[in-house]
Amino acid sequence: MKEYIVSRWMTSPVITVTPETSLEEARQLIAAHHIRALPVVEDDKLVGIITRRGLLRLDLSFVDEGSAEAGAPHEIETMREVMTRRPITVTGSTSMAEAAQIMLENKITALPVVHGEDLVGILTNSDVMRFYTARHQDIGAELLIRDYMTENVETIEPDGALLEAHRLMSMGHFRSLPVVKNDQLLGIITRTDLMSSDPSRRFSRNQQEESMQILTTPVEKIMSAPVITVRPESSVTEAAFLMMDNKIHSLPVLDAEQKLVGIFTESDLFLITSQKLNN
């Protein structure tokens, strides 16, 4: 059915960069357009992709075991040096179920859509979210959060450092960390929060001390609060609308006593979309 293929839900036209685009220009494009990925095009052909997550990883890559002396990223200047080459792609006729499965299995948030070698669109996690909320009656309107949430949630205390949050997210491939103290949810910190506090933008060989001060900032200084949450008995559809309307990608799950018992993320929604449409 036409309603269930990528061409119906992809974003087009696509904001792109070239291999010679600077890191700073790429950051500005991502921030200005509120996007998570930039396809890299050369001679009208897709040659790579750079994501907001990739830029964040690069921005903090000079930190090695807490030291600001390991290779600083200021020597890297263009997309050619940092882009992911030969990115995973789909076509317009790919099913949304297959696209969601590809994104889930490869832990990616965007899929360039190609026709031959030409870039014709991009499918992002936000597009998958739009698809789910529009077609939720067909996918599973009665599904409950408790059956799909992740129960073992990685958290951080409010006095935990920005560097600790980055490492936890990198090791676990998380995009958000609930901030908890004494079993109470105080806030949430995301990769977006980390990027907004990007130390590398002020980094130079003569500013290592200042950079490390930023990295040791307590997460409570930059966390988002209050937090949008759901209950275990909330519906998946309700969660999907909350994430789409508020432009967030995770929802902590609180029980009746306001205790954190799980987290529901876009990845969980991708899994549901793939499973239900393939059944």
Protein backbone atom coordinates (compact mmCIF):
# COMPACT_ATOMS: atom_id res chain seq x y z
CA MET A 1 0.00 0.00 0.00
CA LYS A 2 1.20 3.49 -0.89
CA GLU A 3 0.57 4.73 2.65
CA TYR A 4 3.15 2.29 3.99
CA ILE A 5 6.17 3.11 1.84
CA VAL A 6 9.04 5.52 2.45
CA SER A 7 8.23 7.96 -0.38
CA ARG A 8 4.96 8.86 1.37
CA TRP A 9 6.70 9.89 4.61
CA MET A 10 10.23 11.00 3.72
CA THR A 11 11.34 14.63 3.96
CA SER A 12 12.05 16.25 0.59
CA PRO A 13 13.80 18.38 -0.59
CA VAL A 14 16.83 17.64 1.58
CA ILE A 15 19.23 20.07 3.21
CA THR A 16 22.71 18.90 2.18
CA VAL A 17 26.36 19.83 2.47
CA THR A 18 29.44 19.11 0.37
CA PRO A 19 32.66 17.38 1.43
CA GLU A 20 34.26 20.82 1.73
CA THR A 21 31.63 22.23 4.10
CA SER A 22 33.21 23.27 7.41
CA LEU A 23 32.30 21.71 10.74
CA GLU A 24 31.07 25.05 12.02
CA GLU A 25 28.77 25.55 9.04
CA ALA A 26 27.38 22.03 9.50
CA ARG A 27 26.70 22.76 13.17
CA GLN A 28 24.91 25.97 12.24
CA LEU A 29 22.74 24.22 9.65
CA ILE A 30 21.76 21.48 12.10
CA ALA A 31 20.91 24.04 14.78
CA ALA A 32 19.08 26.46 12.48
CA HIS A 33 16.91 23.80 10.85
CA HIS A 34 16.50 21.56 13.92
CA ILE A 35 17.68 18.50 12.03
CA ARG A 36 19.74 15.51 13.10
CA ALA A 37 21.54 14.58 9.90
CA LEU A 38 23.11 16.18 6.83
CA PRO A 39 23.70 14.09 3.70
CA VAL A 40 26.99 14.95 1.99
CA VAL A 41 26.67 15.36 -1.78
CA GLU A 42 29.39 15.74 -4.41
CA ASP A 43 28.65 16.14 -8.13
CA ASP A 44 24.97 15.45 -7.35
CA LYS A 45 25.87 12.05 -5.86
CA LEU A 46 25.46 10.98 -2.23
CA VAL A 47 28.94 10.35 -0.81
CA GLY A 48 28.38 10.44 2.94
CA ILE A 49 26.38 11.67 5.91
CA ILE A 50 27.11 13.54 9.13
CA THR A 51 24.79 13.49 12.14
CA ARG A 52 24.35 15.69 15.15
CA ARG A 53 25.43 12.72 17.25
CA GLY A 54 28.57 12.36 15.15
CA LEU A 55 29.43 16.01 15.63
CA LEU A 56 28.93 15.67 19.38
CA ARG A 57 31.18 12.62 19.49
CA LEU A 58 33.83 14.53 17.56
CA ASP A 59 33.50 17.59 19.78
CA LEU A 60 34.33 15.53 22.86
CA SER A 61 36.78 13.12 21.25
CA PHE A 62 39.77 15.00 22.59
CA VAL A 63 38.84 13.87 26.08
CA ASP A 64 40.67 10.65 26.89
CA GLU A 65 40.24 9.21 30.36
CA GLY A 66 39.48 12.67 31.75
CA SER A 67 42.42 14.42 30.09
CA ALA A 68 42.02 17.35 27.73
CA GLU A 69 45.43 16.73 26.24
CA ALA A 70 44.45 13.99 23.81
CA GLY A 71 44.07 14.96 20.13
CA ALA A 72 41.96 18.08 19.86
CA PRO A 73 39.41 18.24 17.06
CA HIS A 74 40.47 21.72 15.95
CA GLU A 75 42.72 20.16 13.31
CA ILE A 76 39.68 18.64 11.55
CA GLU A 77 37.96 21.24 9.40
CA THR A 78 35.63 19.74 6.77
CA MET A 79 32.97 17.11 6.23
CA ARG A 80 35.35 15.08 4.05
CA GLU A 81 37.38 14.24 7.14
CA VAL A 82 34.52 13.23 9.43
CA MET A 83 31.56 12.10 7.34
CA THR A 84 30.34 8.51 7.37
CA ARG A 85 31.09 7.22 3.88
CA ARG A 86 28.72 4.94 1.96
CA PRO A 87 25.80 5.50 4.36
CA ILE A 88 22.97 3.02 4.60
CA THR A 89 20.18 4.06 2.23
CA VAL A 90 16.66 3.06 1.22
CA THR A 91 14.53 3.72 -1.83
CA GLY A 92 11.14 5.38 -2.03
CA SER A 93 9.48 1.98 -2.44
CA THR A 94 11.01 0.54 0.75
CA SER A 95 8.32 -0.29 3.30
CA MET A 96 8.14 1.76 6.48
CA ALA A 97 8.39 -1.47 8.48
CA GLU A 98 11.70 -2.32 6.80
CA ALA A 99 13.00 1.22 7.21
CA ALA A 100 12.16 1.22 10.92
CA GLN A 101 13.92 -2.12 11.31
CA ILE A 102 17.04 -0.81 9.54
CA MET A 103 17.16 2.25 11.79
CA LEU A 104 16.69 0.12 14.89
CA GLU A 105 19.30 -2.50 14.01
CA ASN A 106 21.92 0.04 12.97
CA LYS A 107 21.16 2.54 15.74
CA ILE A 108 20.77 5.40 13.27
CA THR A 109 18.32 8.27 13.18
CA ALA A 110 18.25 9.04 9.46
CA LEU A 111 18.17 7.15 6.17
CA PRO A 112 18.97 8.92 2.88
CA VAL A 113 16.42 7.97 0.21
CA VAL A 114 17.92 7.40 -3.22
CA HIS A 115 16.74 6.77 -6.76
CA GLY A 116 19.70 5.18 -8.49
CA GLU A 117 22.57 7.38 -7.30
CA ASP A 118 20.43 10.49 -6.87
CA LEU A 119 19.36 11.69 -3.43
CA VAL A 120 15.58 12.25 -3.47
CA GLY A 121 14.76 12.53 0.23
CA ILE A 122 15.64 11.57 3.77
CA LEU A 123 13.69 9.51 6.28
CA THR A 124 14.31 10.48 9.89
CA ASN A 125 13.09 9.22 13.22
CA SER A 126 10.68 12.18 13.25
CA ASP A 127 9.19 10.93 9.99
CA VAL A 128 8.74 7.45 11.47
CA MET A 129 7.03 9.12 14.44
CA ARG A 130 4.66 10.96 12.09
CA PHE A 131 3.92 7.69 10.35
CA TYR A 132 3.13 5.92 13.62
CA THR A 133 0.83 8.63 14.94
CA ALA A 134 -1.03 8.80 11.62
CA ARG A 135 -1.45 5.03 11.27
CA HIS A 136 -1.57 3.96 14.92
CA GLN A 137 -4.99 2.36 14.51
CA ASP A 138 -3.48 -0.09 12.03
CA ILE A 139 -0.28 -0.70 14.02
CA GLY A 140 -1.62 -1.19 17.52
CA ALA A 141 -3.84 1.35 19.22
CA GLU A 142 -4.26 -0.70 22.41
CA LEU A 143 -0.57 -1.39 23.15
CA LEU A 144 0.61 -0.40 26.64
CA ILE A 145 3.90 1.15 27.71
CA ARG A 146 4.56 -1.48 30.39
CA ASP A 147 4.89 -4.16 27.72
CA TYR A 148 7.50 -2.29 25.66
CA MET A 149 9.46 -0.01 28.00
CA THR A 150 13.05 -0.63 29.05
CA GLU A 151 13.00 -1.46 32.76
CA ASN A 152 16.70 -1.30 33.64
CA VAL A 153 17.30 2.42 33.22
CA GLU A 154 20.75 4.01 33.31
CA THR A 155 20.57 7.18 35.41
CA ILE A 156 22.86 9.88 36.71
CA GLU A 157 22.76 11.91 39.92
CA PRO A 158 22.38 15.70 39.74
CA ASP A 159 25.99 16.27 40.83
CA GLY A 160 27.32 13.93 38.14
CA ALA A 161 29.62 15.66 35.67
CA LEU A 162 28.92 16.48 32.03
CA LEU A 163 31.85 14.22 31.12
CA GLU A 164 30.29 11.32 33.04
CA ALA A 165 26.98 11.83 31.22
CA HIS A 166 28.77 11.80 27.87
CA ARG A 167 30.59 8.57 28.70
CA LEU A 168 27.45 6.83 29.92
CA MET A 169 25.60 7.80 26.75
CA SER A 170 28.47 6.73 24.51
CA MET A 171 28.98 3.35 26.19
CA GLY A 172 25.30 2.48 26.28
CA HIS A 173 24.29 4.19 23.01
CA PHE A 174 21.75 6.23 24.98
CA ARG A 175 20.33 9.51 23.79
CA SER A 176 19.09 10.59 27.22
CA LEU A 177 19.77 10.02 30.91
CA PRO A 178 17.19 10.57 33.66
CA VAL A 179 18.64 12.57 36.54
CA VAL A 180 17.64 10.85 39.78
CA LYS A 181 18.34 11.32 43.48
CA ASN A 182 16.83 9.25 46.29
CA ASP A 183 14.59 7.48 43.77
CA GLN A 184 13.07 10.79 42.68
CA LEU A 185 13.22 11.97 39.06
CA LEU A 186 14.60 15.51 39.02
CA GLY A 187 15.27 16.04 35.34
CA ILE A 188 16.67 14.56 32.15
CA ILE A 189 19.80 15.26 30.14
CA THR A 190 20.00 14.58 26.41
CA ARG A 191 22.61 14.63 23.69
CA THR A 192 21.15 17.95 22.62
CA ASP A 193 21.90 19.33 26.08
CA LEU A 194 25.45 18.05 25.79
CA MET A 195 25.89 19.68 22.39
CA SER A 196 24.60 23.00 23.67
CA SER A 197 27.35 22.85 26.31
CA ASP A 198 29.96 21.79 23.72
CA PRO A 199 33.38 22.52 25.23
CA SER A 200 35.29 22.21 21.96
CA ARG A 201 33.85 25.47 20.66
CA ARG A 202 36.02 27.27 23.17
CA PHE A 203 38.86 24.79 23.08
CA SER A 204 42.43 25.65 22.14
CA ARG A 205 45.81 24.52 23.34
CA ASN A 206 45.85 27.42 25.78
CA GLN A 207 42.34 26.84 27.14
CA GLN A 208 42.52 23.28 28.47
CA GLU A 209 41.72 24.34 32.02
CA GLU A 210 38.58 26.16 30.93
CA SER A 211 37.50 23.21 28.80
CA MET A 212 37.86 20.79 31.70
CA GLN A 213 35.84 23.13 33.92
CA ILE A 214 32.99 22.86 31.42
CA LEU A 215 33.30 19.08 31.30
CA THR A 216 33.07 18.83 35.09
CA THR A 217 29.92 20.98 35.26
CA PRO A 218 27.18 19.12 37.24
CA VAL A 219 24.39 17.88 34.98
CA GLU A 220 21.79 19.63 37.14
CA LYS A 221 23.04 22.90 35.65
CA ILE A 222 21.95 21.94 32.12
CA MET A 223 19.32 19.22 32.57
CA SER A 224 15.76 19.74 31.35
CA ALA A 225 13.13 19.99 34.09
CA PRO A 226 10.32 19.33 34.74
CA VAL A 227 10.19 16.15 32.71
CA ILE A 228 7.35 14.87 30.53
CA THR A 229 6.58 11.34 31.74
CA VAL A 230 4.13 8.49 31.24
CA ARG A 231 2.73 5.69 33.41
CA PRO A 232 3.18 1.96 32.75
CA GLU A 233 -0.52 1.75 31.89
CA SER A 234 -0.32 4.61 29.37
CA SER A 235 -0.86 3.65 25.75
CA VAL A 236 1.97 3.56 23.23
CA THR A 237 -0.11 5.86 21.02
CA GLU A 238 -0.29 8.46 23.80
CA ALA A 239 3.49 8.24 24.21
CA ALA A 240 4.05 8.63 20.47
CA PHE A 241 1.92 11.79 20.36
CA LEU A 242 3.74 13.19 23.41
CA MET A 243 7.14 12.62 21.82
CA MET A 244 6.08 14.06 18.47
CA ASP A 245 4.28 17.11 19.87
CA ASN A 246 7.12 17.97 22.27
CA LYS A 247 9.95 17.01 19.89
CA ILE A 248 11.51 14.62 22.38
CA HIS A 249 12.77 11.08 21.87
CA SER A 250 12.32 9.46 25.28
CA LEU A 251 9.81 9.35 28.11
CA PRO A 252 10.68 8.25 31.64
CA VAL A 253 8.02 5.92 33.08
CA LEU A 254 6.85 6.63 36.63
CA ASP A 255 4.66 4.42 38.81
CA ALA A 256 1.85 5.63 41.07
CA GLU A 257 4.42 6.56 43.74
CA GLN A 258 6.38 8.66 41.23
CA LYS A 259 9.24 6.20 41.23
CA LEU A 260 11.19 5.67 38.00
CA VAL A 261 10.38 2.17 36.74
CA GLY A 262 11.40 2.37 33.08
CA ILE A 263 11.93 4.47 29.98
CA PHE A 264 10.18 4.42 26.62
CA THR A 265 12.13 5.65 23.59
CA GLU A 266 11.88 6.11 19.85
CA SER A 267 13.77 2.83 19.47
CA ASP A 268 10.93 1.03 21.23
CA LEU A 269 8.50 2.66 18.81
CA PHE A 270 10.61 1.57 15.83
CA LEU A 271 10.56 -2.00 17.12
CA ILE A 272 6.78 -1.95 17.49
CA THR A 273 6.34 -0.48 14.01
CA SER A 274 8.57 -3.13 12.45
CA GLN A 275 7.06 -6.05 14.35
CA LYS A 276 3.40 -5.15 13.97
CA LEU A 277 3.56 -4.29 10.28
CA ASN A 278 5.51 -7.45 9.47
CA ASN A 279 3.05 -9.73 11.27
